[in-house]
Structures are given as structure tokens and as C-alpha cells.
């Protein structure tokens, strides 16, 4: 039986190794559903390494897209839904609009 992580990777591989959304977006989609998801859970769900998740979380936090609150030994993430998408082609739209579309 395959693990959840290998299943995610296999799904991505069937699309010639690329997807329409970035791993940053995938992380946000998971956190929108479960704001206290662990790094291990994010990695399994998205199909990337825990180190890659840590890097993405740091980047999203630096950009002001995520706010991290420590609750005991766990983190809870709040998404800044008003943040604008970064690429000029999409910059008139917000993170919240994207998450609403994907949710």
C-alpha cells in the first residue's frame, strides 16, 4: 500500500511532472482547510519534503501572507486573504479570491 505522500507524487507525475498551481498555493489550500496542520501533514498532502514546506512557510510569512501563532508545541497559521497575488497578470486578485475559487 502506498503512503499518502507517494500517492500525491504519483498524481503529479501523471501530468508530465507539472501542475497548474505552485506548491506555495497548495500549502495555502491545505492551511485554509486546517490552520493547525503540522509540517509533516503539509508535506504528505502536497507531496513535497518537510524541508520544502518549511522554506515555503518562511517565504509566505516573510511576504505577510501567513501569520504564525504558537499554541503549545504546535503552530496555527492565519492567511492574509487580502494579500494580492504577486504576478502582474493576477495582481488585481487576492489570495482570498483564489482560495474561495479552489475551496
C-alpha atoms as a PDB file:
ATOM      1  CA  UNK A   1       0.000   0.000   0.000  1.00  0.00           C
ATOM      2  CA  UNK A   2       1.361   3.424  -0.937  1.00  0.00           C
ATOM      3  CA  UNK A   3       1.704   6.209   1.554  1.00  0.00           C
ATOM      4  CA  UNK A   4      -0.268   9.400   1.156  1.00  0.00           C
ATOM      5  CA  UNK A   5       2.938  11.209   0.118  1.00  0.00           C
ATOM      6  CA  UNK A   6       3.762   8.796  -2.714  1.00  0.00           C
ATOM      7  CA  UNK A   7       0.161   8.958  -3.917  1.00  0.00           C
ATOM      8  CA  UNK A   8       0.412  12.761  -4.191  1.00  0.00           C
ATOM      9  CA  UNK A   9       3.694  12.498  -6.054  1.00  0.00           C
ATOM     10  CA  UNK A  10       2.278   9.861  -8.401  1.00  0.00           C
ATOM     11  CA  UNK A  11      -0.661  12.122  -9.260  1.00  0.00           C
ATOM     12  CA  UNK A  12       1.704  14.970 -10.130  1.00  0.00           C
ATOM     13  CA  UNK A  13       3.870  12.655 -12.215  1.00  0.00           C
ATOM     14  CA  UNK A  14       0.920  11.585 -14.365  1.00  0.00           C
ATOM     15  CA  UNK A  15       0.638  15.183 -15.556  1.00  0.00           C
ATOM     16  CA  UNK A  16       4.153  15.100 -17.068  1.00  0.00           C
ATOM     17  CA  UNK A  17       5.666  16.355 -13.822  1.00  0.00           C
ATOM     18  CA  UNK A  18       3.937  19.730 -13.613  1.00  0.00           C
ATOM     19  CA  UNK A  19       0.741  21.172 -12.209  1.00  0.00           C
ATOM     20  CA  UNK A  20      -1.125  24.427 -12.792  1.00  0.00           C
ATOM     21  CA  UNK A  21      -0.676  25.620  -9.220  1.00  0.00           C
ATOM     22  CA  UNK A  22       2.558  26.115  -7.291  1.00  0.00           C
ATOM     23  CA  UNK A  23       3.472  24.325  -4.086  1.00  0.00           C
ATOM     24  CA  UNK A  24       3.006  27.687  -2.336  1.00  0.00           C
ATOM     25  CA  UNK A  25      -0.629  27.648  -3.443  1.00  0.00           C
ATOM     26  CA  UNK A  26      -1.025  24.013  -2.455  1.00  0.00           C
ATOM     27  CA  UNK A  27       0.249  24.831   1.054  1.00  0.00           C
ATOM     28  CA  UNK A  28      -2.239  27.710   1.332  1.00  0.00           C
ATOM     29  CA  UNK A  29      -5.112  25.483   0.187  1.00  0.00           C
ATOM     30  CA  UNK A  30      -4.301  22.921   2.883  1.00  0.00           C
ATOM     31  CA  UNK A  31      -3.882  25.605   5.569  1.00  0.00           C
ATOM     32  CA  UNK A  32      -7.193  27.201   4.579  1.00  0.00           C
ATOM     33  CA  UNK A  33      -8.852  23.892   5.476  1.00  0.00           C
ATOM     34  CA  UNK A  34      -6.679  23.110   8.515  1.00  0.00           C
ATOM     35  CA  UNK A  35      -4.870  26.141  10.001  1.00  0.00           C
ATOM     36  CA  UNK A  36      -3.049  23.979  12.548  1.00  0.00           C
ATOM     37  CA  UNK A  37      -1.736  21.386  10.083  1.00  0.00           C
ATOM     38  CA  UNK A  38       1.707  20.093  11.008  1.00  0.00           C
ATOM     39  CA  UNK A  39       4.647  20.411   8.647  1.00  0.00           C
ATOM     40  CA  UNK A  40       4.630  16.635   8.237  1.00  0.00           C
ATOM     41  CA  UNK A  41       0.945  16.715   7.264  1.00  0.00           C
ATOM     42  CA  UNK A  42       1.512  19.560   4.790  1.00  0.00           C
ATOM     43  CA  UNK A  43       4.402  17.667   3.212  1.00  0.00           C
ATOM     44  CA  UNK A  44       2.334  14.498   2.867  1.00  0.00           C
ATOM     45  CA  UNK A  45      -0.684  16.318   1.457  1.00  0.00           C
ATOM     46  CA  UNK A  46       1.259  18.369  -1.096  1.00  0.00           C
ATOM     47  CA  UNK A  47       3.769  15.637  -1.952  1.00  0.00           C
ATOM     48  CA  UNK A  48       6.956  17.545  -1.111  1.00  0.00           C
ATOM     49  CA  UNK A  49       9.616  17.276   1.583  1.00  0.00           C
ATOM     50  CA  UNK A  50       9.256  18.719   5.053  1.00  0.00           C
ATOM     51  CA  UNK A  51      12.247  20.954   4.339  1.00  0.00           C
ATOM     52  CA  UNK A  52      10.479  22.358   1.263  1.00  0.00           C
ATOM     53  CA  UNK A  53       7.377  23.029   3.390  1.00  0.00           C
ATOM     54  CA  UNK A  54       9.492  24.884   5.964  1.00  0.00           C
ATOM     55  CA  UNK A  55      11.012  27.038   3.205  1.00  0.00           C
ATOM     56  CA  UNK A  56       7.599  27.826   1.714  1.00  0.00           C
ATOM     57  CA  UNK A  57       6.127  28.683   5.124  1.00  0.00           C
ATOM     58  CA  UNK A  58       9.068  31.029   5.800  1.00  0.00           C
ATOM     59  CA  UNK A  59       8.616  32.726   2.410  1.00  0.00           C
ATOM     60  CA  UNK A  60       4.866  33.139   2.873  1.00  0.00           C
ATOM     61  CA  UNK A  61       5.437  34.540   6.365  1.00  0.00           C
ATOM     62  CA  UNK A  62       8.128  36.977   5.139  1.00  0.00           C
ATOM     63  CA  UNK A  63       5.743  38.250   2.448  1.00  0.00           C
ATOM     64  CA  UNK A  64       2.999  38.854   5.003  1.00  0.00           C
ATOM     65  CA  UNK A  65       0.728  36.204   3.507  1.00  0.00           C
ATOM     66  CA  UNK A  66       0.876  33.987   6.601  1.00  0.00           C
ATOM     67  CA  UNK A  67       0.920  34.848  10.265  1.00  0.00           C
ATOM     68  CA  UNK A  68       2.157  32.171  12.654  1.00  0.00           C
ATOM     69  CA  UNK A  69       0.880  31.804  16.214  1.00  0.00           C
ATOM     70  CA  UNK A  70       2.485  29.308  18.551  1.00  0.00           C
ATOM     71  CA  UNK A  71      -0.009  27.270  20.595  1.00  0.00           C
ATOM     72  CA  UNK A  72       1.877  24.957  22.900  1.00  0.00           C
ATOM     73  CA  UNK A  73       4.035  22.772  20.700  1.00  0.00           C
ATOM     74  CA  UNK A  74       2.005  23.457  17.547  1.00  0.00           C
ATOM     75  CA  UNK A  75       1.698  26.378  15.194  1.00  0.00           C
ATOM     76  CA  UNK A  76      -1.554  27.833  13.942  1.00  0.00           C
ATOM     77  CA  UNK A  77      -1.451  29.763  10.680  1.00  0.00           C
ATOM     78  CA  UNK A  78      -3.639  32.673   9.679  1.00  0.00           C
ATOM     79  CA  UNK A  79      -3.812  33.535   5.986  1.00  0.00           C
ATOM     80  CA  UNK A  80      -3.893  37.183   4.952  1.00  0.00           C
ATOM     81  CA  UNK A  81      -6.746  36.790   2.494  1.00  0.00           C
ATOM     82  CA  UNK A  82      -6.404  40.432   1.412  1.00  0.00           C
ATOM     83  CA  UNK A  83      -2.858  39.961   0.132  1.00  0.00           C
ATOM     84  CA  UNK A  84      -2.606  40.426  -3.615  1.00  0.00           C
ATOM     85  CA  UNK A  85      -1.293  37.752  -5.943  1.00  0.00           C
ATOM     86  CA  UNK A  86       2.283  38.568  -6.896  1.00  0.00           C
ATOM     87  CA  UNK A  87       2.405  38.179 -10.674  1.00  0.00           C
ATOM     88  CA  UNK A  88       1.364  41.298 -12.654  1.00  0.00           C
ATOM     89  CA  UNK A  89      -1.166  39.256 -14.644  1.00  0.00           C
ATOM     90  CA  UNK A  90      -3.051  38.314 -11.460  1.00  0.00           C
ATOM     91  CA  UNK A  91      -2.194  41.202  -9.127  1.00  0.00           C
ATOM     92  CA  UNK A  92      -5.708  42.610  -9.215  1.00  0.00           C
ATOM     93  CA  UNK A  93      -6.875  39.490  -7.375  1.00  0.00           C
ATOM     94  CA  UNK A  94      -6.359  38.468  -3.751  1.00  0.00           C
ATOM     95  CA  UNK A  95      -5.273  35.296  -2.014  1.00  0.00           C
ATOM     96  CA  UNK A  96      -8.779  35.065  -0.576  1.00  0.00           C
ATOM     97  CA  UNK A  97     -10.354  35.116  -4.032  1.00  0.00           C
ATOM     98  CA  UNK A  98      -8.049  32.316  -5.167  1.00  0.00           C
ATOM     99  CA  UNK A  99      -8.765  30.209  -2.090  1.00  0.00           C
ATOM    100  CA  UNK A 100     -12.506  30.754  -2.485  1.00  0.00           C
ATOM    101  CA  UNK A 101     -12.251  29.552  -6.065  1.00  0.00           C
ATOM    102  CA  UNK A 102     -10.260  26.469  -5.110  1.00  0.00           C
ATOM    103  CA  UNK A 103     -12.132  25.686  -1.888  1.00  0.00           C
END
